[in-house]
PDB file of N, CA and C in Angstrom:
ATOM      1  N   MET A   1       0.846  -1.160   0.000  1.00  0.00           N
ATOM      2  CA  MET A   1       0.000   0.000   0.000  1.00  0.00           C
ATOM      3  C   MET A   1       0.896   1.230   0.000  1.00  0.00           C
ATOM      4  N   THR A   2       0.659   2.108  -0.880  1.00  0.00           N
ATOM      5  CA  THR A   2       1.496   3.299  -0.984  1.00  0.00           C
ATOM      6  C   THR A   2       0.845   4.437  -0.229  1.00  0.00           C
ATOM      7  N   GLN A   3       1.692   5.257   0.346  1.00  0.00           N
ATOM      8  CA  GLN A   3       1.204   6.397   1.083  1.00  0.00           C
ATOM      9  C   GLN A   3       1.586   7.647   0.307  1.00  0.00           C
ATOM     10  N   THR A   4       0.592   8.449   0.022  1.00  0.00           N
ATOM     11  CA  THR A   4       0.862   9.668  -0.732  1.00  0.00           C
ATOM     12  C   THR A   4       0.793  10.848   0.214  1.00  0.00           C
ATOM     13  N   ASN A   5       1.624  11.822  -0.031  1.00  0.00           N
ATOM     14  CA  ASN A   5       1.609  13.051   0.738  1.00  0.00           C
ATOM     15  C   ASN A   5       0.715  14.047   0.018  1.00  0.00           C
ATOM     16  N   ASN A   6      -0.397  14.297   0.593  1.00  0.00           N
ATOM     17  CA  ASN A   6      -1.322  15.248   0.012  1.00  0.00           C
ATOM     18  C   ASN A   6      -1.369  16.456   0.936  1.00  0.00           C
ATOM     19  N   ARG A   7      -0.740  17.520   0.504  1.00  0.00           N
ATOM     20  CA  ARG A   7      -0.627  18.715   1.329  1.00  0.00           C
ATOM     21  C   ARG A   7      -1.996  19.281   1.675  1.00  0.00           C
ATOM     22  N   PHE A   8      -2.924  19.223   0.750  1.00  0.00           N
ATOM     23  CA  PHE A   8      -4.268  19.738   0.997  1.00  0.00           C
ATOM     24  C   PHE A   8      -4.919  18.986   2.167  1.00  0.00           C
ATOM     25  N   LEU A   9      -4.828  17.661   2.149  1.00  0.00           N
ATOM     26  CA  LEU A   9      -5.442  16.879   3.228  1.00  0.00           C
ATOM     27  C   LEU A   9      -4.724  17.105   4.554  1.00  0.00           C
ATOM     28  N   ASP A  10      -3.407  17.231   4.510  1.00  0.00           N
ATOM     29  CA  ASP A  10      -2.656  17.511   5.734  1.00  0.00           C
ATOM     30  C   ASP A  10      -3.062  18.860   6.327  1.00  0.00           C
ATOM     31  N   ASP A  11      -3.148  19.868   5.463  1.00  0.00           N
ATOM     32  CA  ASP A  11      -3.556  21.194   5.921  1.00  0.00           C
ATOM     33  C   ASP A  11      -4.993  21.179   6.449  1.00  0.00           C
ATOM     34  N   PHE A  12      -5.852  20.450   5.754  1.00  0.00           N
ATOM     35  CA  PHE A  12      -7.246  20.360   6.182  1.00  0.00           C
ATOM     36  C   PHE A  12      -7.353  19.660   7.544  1.00  0.00           C
ATOM     37  N   ALA A  13      -6.599  18.599   7.746  1.00  0.00           N
ATOM     38  CA  ALA A  13      -6.600  17.881   9.023  1.00  0.00           C
ATOM     39  C   ALA A  13      -6.083  18.781  10.146  1.00  0.00           C
ATOM     40  N   ARG A  14      -5.023  19.520   9.865  1.00  0.00           N
ATOM     41  CA  ARG A  14      -4.459  20.443  10.849  1.00  0.00           C
ATOM     42  C   ARG A  14      -5.476  21.527  11.191  1.00  0.00           C
ATOM     43  N   LEU A  15      -6.173  22.040  10.187  1.00  0.00           N
ATOM     44  CA  LEU A  15      -7.196  23.066  10.396  1.00  0.00           C
ATOM     45  C   LEU A  15      -8.330  22.535  11.278  1.00  0.00           C
ATOM     46  N   MET A  16      -8.765  21.316  11.016  1.00  0.00           N
ATOM     47  CA  MET A  16      -9.842  20.710  11.816  1.00  0.00           C
ATOM     48  C   MET A  16      -9.400  20.482  13.267  1.00  0.00           C
ATOM     49  N   THR A  17      -8.142  20.076  13.445  1.00  0.00           N
ATOM     50  CA  THR A  17      -7.611  19.883  14.793  1.00  0.00           C
ATOM     51  C   THR A  17      -7.579  21.203  15.543  1.00  0.00           C
ATOM     52  N   ASP A  18      -7.117  22.253  14.871  1.00  0.00           N
ATOM     53  CA  ASP A  18      -7.086  23.576  15.495  1.00  0.00           C
ATOM     54  C   ASP A  18      -8.495  24.074  15.801  1.00  0.00           C
ATOM     55  N   ALA A  19      -9.437  23.819  14.900  1.00  0.00           N
ATOM     56  CA  ALA A  19     -10.821  24.241  15.116  1.00  0.00           C
ATOM     57  C   ALA A  19     -11.421  23.527  16.317  1.00  0.00           C
ATOM     58  N   ALA A  20     -11.111  22.239  16.475  1.00  0.00           N
ATOM     59  CA  ALA A  20     -11.619  21.484  17.620  1.00  0.00           C
ATOM     60  C   ALA A  20     -11.051  22.042  18.922  1.00  0.00           C
ATOM     61  N   GLY A  21      -9.779  22.387  18.917  1.00  0.00           N
ATOM     62  CA  GLY A  21      -9.162  22.985  20.099  1.00  0.00           C
ATOM     63  C   GLY A  21      -9.778  24.328  20.437  1.00  0.00           C
ATOM     64  N   ALA A  22     -10.037  25.127  19.413  1.00  0.00           N
ATOM     65  CA  ALA A  22     -10.666  26.430  19.631  1.00  0.00           C
ATOM     66  C   ALA A  22     -12.068  26.256  20.173  1.00  0.00           C
ATOM     67  N   ALA A  23     -12.792  25.261  19.670  1.00  0.00           N
ATOM     68  CA  ALA A  23     -14.154  25.008  20.149  1.00  0.00           C
ATOM     69  C   ALA A  23     -14.140  24.610  21.623  1.00  0.00           C
ATOM     70  N   GLN A  24     -13.154  23.819  22.015  1.00  0.00           N
ATOM     71  CA  GLN A  24     -13.033  23.440  23.423  1.00  0.00           C
ATOM     72  C   GLN A  24     -12.775  24.670  24.295  1.00  0.00           C
ATOM     73  N   GLY A  25     -11.927  25.572  23.807  1.00  0.00           N
ATOM     74  CA  GLY A  25     -11.657  26.804  24.541  1.00  0.00           C
ATOM     75  C   GLY A  25     -12.903  27.660  24.691  1.00  0.00           C
ATOM     76  N   VAL A  26     -13.671  27.767  23.626  1.00  0.00           N
ATOM     77  CA  VAL A  26     -14.917  28.538  23.676  1.00  0.00           C
ATOM     78  C   VAL A  26     -15.892  27.885  24.646  1.00  0.00           C
ATOM     79  N   LYS A  27     -15.964  26.554  24.625  1.00  0.00           N
ATOM     80  CA  LYS A  27     -16.859  25.825  25.524  1.00  0.00           C
ATOM     81  C   LYS A  27     -16.507  26.120  26.980  1.00  0.00           C
ATOM     82  N   ARG A  28     -15.208  26.062  27.319  1.00  0.00           N
ATOM     83  CA  ARG A  28     -14.781  26.342  28.694  1.00  0.00           C
ATOM     84  C   ARG A  28     -15.125  27.775  29.084  1.00  0.00           C
ATOM     85  N   GLU A  29     -14.920  28.703  28.163  1.00  0.00           N
ATOM     86  CA  GLU A  29     -15.217  30.105  28.449  1.00  0.00           C
ATOM     87  C   GLU A  29     -16.710  30.309  28.699  1.00  0.00           C
ATOM     88  N   VAL A  30     -17.545  29.699  27.875  1.00  0.00           N
ATOM     89  CA  VAL A  30     -19.001  29.820  28.046  1.00  0.00           C
ATOM     90  C   VAL A  30     -19.424  29.201  29.377  1.00  0.00           C
ATOM     91  N   GLU A  31     -18.883  28.040  29.707  1.00  0.00           N
ATOM     92  CA  GLU A  31     -19.217  27.403  30.991  1.00  0.00           C
ATOM     93  C   GLU A  31     -18.848  28.304  32.158  1.00  0.00           C
ATOM     94  N   THR A  32     -17.696  28.947  32.090  1.00  0.00           N
ATOM     95  CA  THR A  32     -17.258  29.847  33.148  1.00  0.00           C
ATOM     96  C   THR A  32     -18.208  31.035  33.278  1.00  0.00           C
ATOM     97  N   ILE A  33     -18.601  31.606  32.148  1.00  0.00           N
ATOM     98  CA  ILE A  33     -19.511  32.759  32.166  1.00  0.00           C
ATOM     99  C   ILE A  33     -20.877  32.367  32.718  1.00  0.00           C
ATOM    100  N   VAL A  34     -21.394  31.217  32.281  1.00  0.00           N
ATOM    101  CA  VAL A  34     -22.709  30.766  32.753  1.00  0.00           C
ATOM    102  C   VAL A  34     -22.671  30.488  34.252  1.00  0.00           C
ATOM    103  N   LYS A  35     -21.610  29.870  34.728  1.00  0.00           N
ATOM    104  CA  LYS A  35     -21.482  29.584  36.155  1.00  0.00           C
ATOM    105  C   LYS A  35     -21.435  30.884  36.959  1.00  0.00           C
ATOM    106  N   ALA A  36     -20.670  31.851  36.489  1.00  0.00           N
ATOM    107  CA  ALA A  36     -20.574  33.130  37.190  1.00  0.00           C
ATOM    108  C   ALA A  36     -21.930  33.833  37.220  1.00  0.00           C
ATOM    109  N   GLN A  37     -22.648  33.800  36.099  1.00  0.00           N
ATOM    110  CA  GLN A  37     -23.980  34.420  36.048  1.00  0.00           C
ATOM    111  C   GLN A  37     -24.935  33.706  37.004  1.00  0.00           C
ATOM    112  N   GLY A  38     -24.891  32.374  37.025  1.00  0.00           N
ATOM    113  CA  GLY A  38     -25.751  31.608  37.923  1.00  0.00           C
ATOM    114  C   GLY A  38     -25.479  31.936  39.381  1.00  0.00           C
ATOM    115  N   GLU A  39     -24.215  32.019  39.739  1.00  0.00           N
ATOM    116  CA  GLU A  39     -23.855  32.372  41.113  1.00  0.00           C
ATOM    117  C   GLU A  39     -24.323  33.780  41.452  1.00  0.00           C
ATOM    118  N   ARG A  40     -24.183  34.697  40.510  1.00  0.00           N
ATOM    119  CA  ARG A  40     -24.618  36.077  40.732  1.00  0.00           C
ATOM    120  C   ARG A  40     -26.132  36.131  40.967  1.00  0.00           C
ATOM    121  N   VAL A  41     -26.886  35.379  40.171  1.00  0.00           N
ATOM    122  CA  VAL A  41     -28.348  35.357  40.323  1.00  0.00           C
ATOM    123  C   VAL A  41     -28.732  34.756  41.669  1.00  0.00           C
ATOM    124  N   LEU A  42     -28.100  33.627  42.033  1.00  0.00           N
ATOM    125  CA  LEU A  42     -28.421  32.990  43.307  1.00  0.00           C
ATOM    126  C   LEU A  42     -28.054  33.869  44.490  1.00  0.00           C
ATOM    127  N   ASN A  43     -26.935  34.562  44.402  1.00  0.00           N
ATOM    128  CA  ASN A  43     -26.544  35.464  45.482  1.00  0.00           C
ATOM    129  C   ASN A  43     -27.539  36.608  45.615  1.00  0.00           C
ATOM    130  N   GLY A  44     -28.055  37.083  44.497  1.00  0.00           N
ATOM    131  CA  GLY A  44     -29.049  38.155  44.520  1.00  0.00           C
ATOM    132  C   GLY A  44     -30.375  37.700  45.103  1.00  0.00           C
ATOM    133  N   MET A  45     -30.656  36.399  45.014  1.00  0.00           N
ATOM    134  CA  MET A  45     -31.908  35.857  45.528  1.00  0.00           C
ATOM    135  C   MET A  45     -31.790  35.486  47.005  1.00  0.00           C
ATOM    136  N   ASP A  46     -30.626  35.635  47.592  1.00  0.00           N
ATOM    137  CA  ASP A  46     -30.383  35.313  48.999  1.00  0.00           C
ATOM    138  C   ASP A  46     -30.729  33.853  49.283  1.00  0.00           C
ATOM    139  N   VAL A  47     -30.245  32.954  48.426  1.00  0.00           N
ATOM    140  CA  VAL A  47     -30.480  31.523  48.566  1.00  0.00           C
ATOM    141  C   VAL A  47     -29.464  30.954  49.552  1.00  0.00           C
ATOM    142  N   VAL A  48     -29.925  30.019  50.378  1.00  0.00           N
ATOM    143  CA  VAL A  48     -29.062  29.389  51.381  1.00  0.00           C
ATOM    144  C   VAL A  48     -28.165  28.359  50.712  1.00  0.00           C
ATOM    145  N   ARG A  49     -26.920  28.340  51.121  1.00  0.00           N
ATOM    146  CA  ARG A  49     -25.985  27.343  50.593  1.00  0.00           C
ATOM    147  C   ARG A  49     -26.274  25.983  51.228  1.00  0.00           C
ATOM    148  N   ARG A  50     -25.875  24.937  50.538  1.00  0.00           N
ATOM    149  CA  ARG A  50     -26.153  23.573  50.995  1.00  0.00           C
ATOM    150  C   ARG A  50     -25.561  23.309  52.375  1.00  0.00           C
ATOM    151  N   GLU A  51     -24.333  23.769  52.616  1.00  0.00           N
ATOM    152  CA  GLU A  51     -23.680  23.538  53.902  1.00  0.00           C
ATOM    153  C   GLU A  51     -24.476  24.180  55.037  1.00  0.00           C
ATOM    154  N   GLU A  52     -24.949  25.412  54.825  1.00  0.00           N
ATOM    155  CA  GLU A  52     -25.738  26.101  55.839  1.00  0.00           C
ATOM    156  C   GLU A  52     -27.046  25.366  56.092  1.00  0.00           C
ATOM    157  N   PHE A  53     -27.676  24.884  55.030  1.00  0.00           N
ATOM    158  CA  PHE A  53     -28.920  24.137  55.160  1.00  0.00           C
ATOM    159  C   PHE A  53     -28.706  22.884  55.997  1.00  0.00           C
ATOM    160  N   GLU A  54     -27.623  22.156  55.724  1.00  0.00           N
ATOM    161  CA  GLU A  54     -27.351  20.929  56.462  1.00  0.00           C
ATOM    162  C   GLU A  54     -27.123  21.209  57.940  1.00  0.00           C
ATOM    163  N   VAL A  55     -26.447  22.318  58.266  1.00  0.00           N
ATOM    164  CA  VAL A  55     -26.211  22.672  59.667  1.00  0.00           C
ATOM    165  C   VAL A  55     -27.534  22.959  60.367  1.00  0.00           C
ATOM    166  N   VAL A  56     -28.395  23.745  59.747  1.00  0.00           N
ATOM    167  CA  VAL A  56     -29.688  24.071  60.349  1.00  0.00           C
ATOM    168  C   VAL A  56     -30.555  22.824  60.461  1.00  0.00           C
ATOM    169  N   LYS A  57     -30.490  21.962  59.462  1.00  0.00           N
ATOM    170  CA  LYS A  57     -31.249  20.708  59.494  1.00  0.00           C
ATOM    171  C   LYS A  57     -30.813  19.857  60.692  1.00  0.00           C
ATOM    172  N   ALA A  58     -29.505  19.759  60.920  1.00  0.00           N
ATOM    173  CA  ALA A  58     -28.985  18.987  62.047  1.00  0.00           C
ATOM    174  C   ALA A  58     -29.422  19.605  63.376  1.00  0.00           C
ATOM    175  N   MET A  59     -29.410  20.931  63.446  1.00  0.00           N
ATOM    176  CA  MET A  59     -29.852  21.612  64.666  1.00  0.00           C
ATOM    177  C   MET A  59     -31.331  21.336  64.931  1.00  0.00           C
ATOM    178  N   ALA A  60     -32.160  21.374  63.899  1.00  0.00           N
ATOM    179  CA  ALA A  60     -33.591  21.120  64.052  1.00  0.00           C
ATOM    180  C   ALA A  60     -33.831  19.680  64.499  1.00  0.00           C
ATOM    181  N   GLU A  61     -33.090  18.742  63.952  1.00  0.00           N
ATOM    182  CA  GLU A  61     -33.222  17.339  64.355  1.00  0.00           C
ATOM    183  C   GLU A  61     -32.852  17.157  65.819  1.00  0.00           C
ATOM    184  N   LYS A  62     -31.772  17.799  66.240  1.00  0.00           N
ATOM    185  CA  LYS A  62     -31.339  17.716  67.635  1.00  0.00           C
ATOM    186  C   LYS A  62     -32.400  18.321  68.555  1.00  0.00           C
ATOM    187  N   ALA A  63     -32.964  19.458  68.163  1.00  0.00           N
ATOM    188  CA  ALA A  63     -34.007  20.103  68.967  1.00  0.00           C
ATOM    189  C   ALA A  63     -35.259  19.227  69.044  1.00  0.00           C
ATOM    190  N   ARG A  64     -35.621  18.591  67.944  1.00  0.00           N
ATOM    191  CA  ARG A  64     -36.795  17.719  67.933  1.00  0.00           C
ATOM    192  C   ARG A  64     -36.598  16.544  68.878  1.00  0.00           C
ATOM    193  N   LEU A  65     -35.421  15.931  68.834  1.00  0.00           N
ATOM    194  CA  LEU A  65     -35.133  14.813  69.727  1.00  0.00           C
ATOM    195  C   LEU A  65     -35.147  15.247  71.194  1.00  0.00           C
ATOM    196  N   GLU A  66     -34.615  16.417  71.467  1.00  0.00           N
ATOM    197  CA  GLU A  66     -34.617  16.946  72.832  1.00  0.00           C
ATOM    198  C   GLU A  66     -36.043  17.216  73.300  1.00  0.00           C
ATOM    199  N   ASN A  67     -36.894  17.755  72.424  1.00  0.00           N
ATOM    200  CA  ASN A  67     -38.294  17.988  72.779  1.00  0.00           C
ATOM    201  C   ASN A  67     -39.009  16.680  73.091  1.00  0.00           C
ATOM    202  N   GLU A  68     -38.762  15.653  72.295  1.00  0.00           N
ATOM    203  CA  GLU A  68     -39.374  14.350  72.559  1.00  0.00           C
ATOM    204  C   GLU A  68     -38.914  13.792  73.899  1.00  0.00           C
ATOM    205  N   ARG A  69     -37.634  13.933  74.189  1.00  0.00           N
ATOM    206  CA  ARG A  69     -37.092  13.462  75.471  1.00  0.00           C
ATOM    207  C   ARG A  69     -37.733  14.205  76.632  1.00  0.00           C
ATOM    208  N   LEU A  70     -37.870  15.520  76.500  1.00  0.00           N
ATOM    209  CA  LEU A  70     -38.486  16.311  77.565  1.00  0.00           C
ATOM    210  C   LEU A  70     -39.964  15.990  77.730  1.00  0.00           C
ATOM    211  N   GLU A  71     -40.661  15.740  76.631  1.00  0.00           N
ATOM    212  CA  GLU A  71     -42.076  15.361  76.717  1.00  0.00           C
ATOM    213  C   GLU A  71     -42.233  14.059  77.498  1.00  0.00           C
ATOM    214  N   GLN A  72     -41.357  13.104  77.224  1.00  0.00           N
ATOM    215  CA  GLN A  72     -41.404  11.829  77.946  1.00  0.00           C
ATOM    216  C   GLN A  72     -41.105  12.036  79.429  1.00  0.00           C
ATOM    217  N   ARG A  73     -40.168  12.884  79.710  1.00  0.00           N
ATOM    218  CA  ARG A  73     -39.803  13.166  81.114  1.00  0.00           C
ATOM    219  C   ARG A  73     -40.962  13.833  81.836  1.00  0.00           C
ATOM    220  N   ILE A  74     -41.603  14.798  81.171  1.00  0.00           N
ATOM    221  CA  ILE A  74     -42.763  15.479  81.776  1.00  0.00           C
ATOM    222  C   ILE A  74     -43.886  14.487  82.012  1.00  0.00           C
ATOM    223  N   ALA A  75     -44.144  13.630  81.039  1.00  0.00           N
ATOM    224  CA  ALA A  75     -45.206  12.622  81.183  1.00  0.00           C
ATOM    225  C   ALA A  75     -44.903  11.705  82.350  1.00  0.00           C
ATOM    226  N   ALA A  76     -43.646  11.304  82.516  1.00  0.00           N
ATOM    227  CA  ALA A  76     -43.267  10.440  83.627  1.00  0.00           C
ATOM    228  C   ALA A  76     -43.442  11.150  84.959  1.00  0.00           C
ATOM    229  N   LEU A  77     -43.050  12.417  85.016  1.00  0.00           N
ATOM    230  CA  LEU A  77     -43.214  13.191  86.276  1.00  0.00           C
ATOM    231  C   LEU A  77     -44.688  13.402  86.596  1.00  0.00           C
ATOM    232  N   GLU A  78     -45.497  13.687  85.591  1.00  0.00           N
ATOM    233  CA  GLU A  78     -46.930  13.859  85.818  1.00  0.00           C
ATOM    234  C   GLU A  78     -47.563  12.561  86.304  1.00  0.00           C
ATOM    235  N   ALA A  79     -47.143  11.451  85.738  1.00  0.00           N
ATOM    236  CA  ALA A  79     -47.677  10.148  86.161  1.00  0.00           C
ATOM    237  C   ALA A  79     -47.274   9.874  87.612  1.00  0.00           C
ATOM    238  N   LYS A  80     -46.071  10.262  87.964  1.00  0.00           N
ATOM    239  CA  LYS A  80     -45.572  10.059  89.328  1.00  0.00           C
ATOM    240  C   LYS A  80     -46.375  10.896  90.312  1.00  0.00           C
ATOM    241  N   LEU A  81     -46.748  12.118  89.891  1.00  0.00           N
ATOM    242  CA  LEU A  81     -47.509  13.000  90.771  1.00  0.00           C
ATOM    243  C   LEU A  81     -49.007  12.652  90.770  1.00  0.00           C
ATOM    244  N   GLY A  82     -49.420  11.865  89.790  1.00  0.00           N
ATOM    245  CA  GLY A  82     -50.813  11.482  89.708  1.00  0.00           C
ATOM    246  C   GLY A  82     -51.690  12.563  89.101  1.00  0.00           C
ATOM    247  N   THR A  83     -51.134  13.386  88.250  1.00  0.00           N
ATOM    248  CA  THR A  83     -51.896  14.469  87.635  1.00  0.00           C
ATOM    249  C   THR A  83     -52.597  14.012  86.395  1.00  0.00           C
TER     250      THR A  83
END
């Protein structure tokens, strides 16, 4: 099998490779811009971050468990007093 050097095809292949690289660069730039815009919109809406939500959720769970424990204790004391 003979291999021919076709300058046109070589140049065309090089052009397509460069175009693909440029497209990847544009894609990264667009993703960066969209992410920045999304963050700006969310910050303007005063949305809670996931970490903050998880902390408050854990605090609420702890408070709920403490309330249940205290309710049981009150019920036991009331039963002891005969109320």
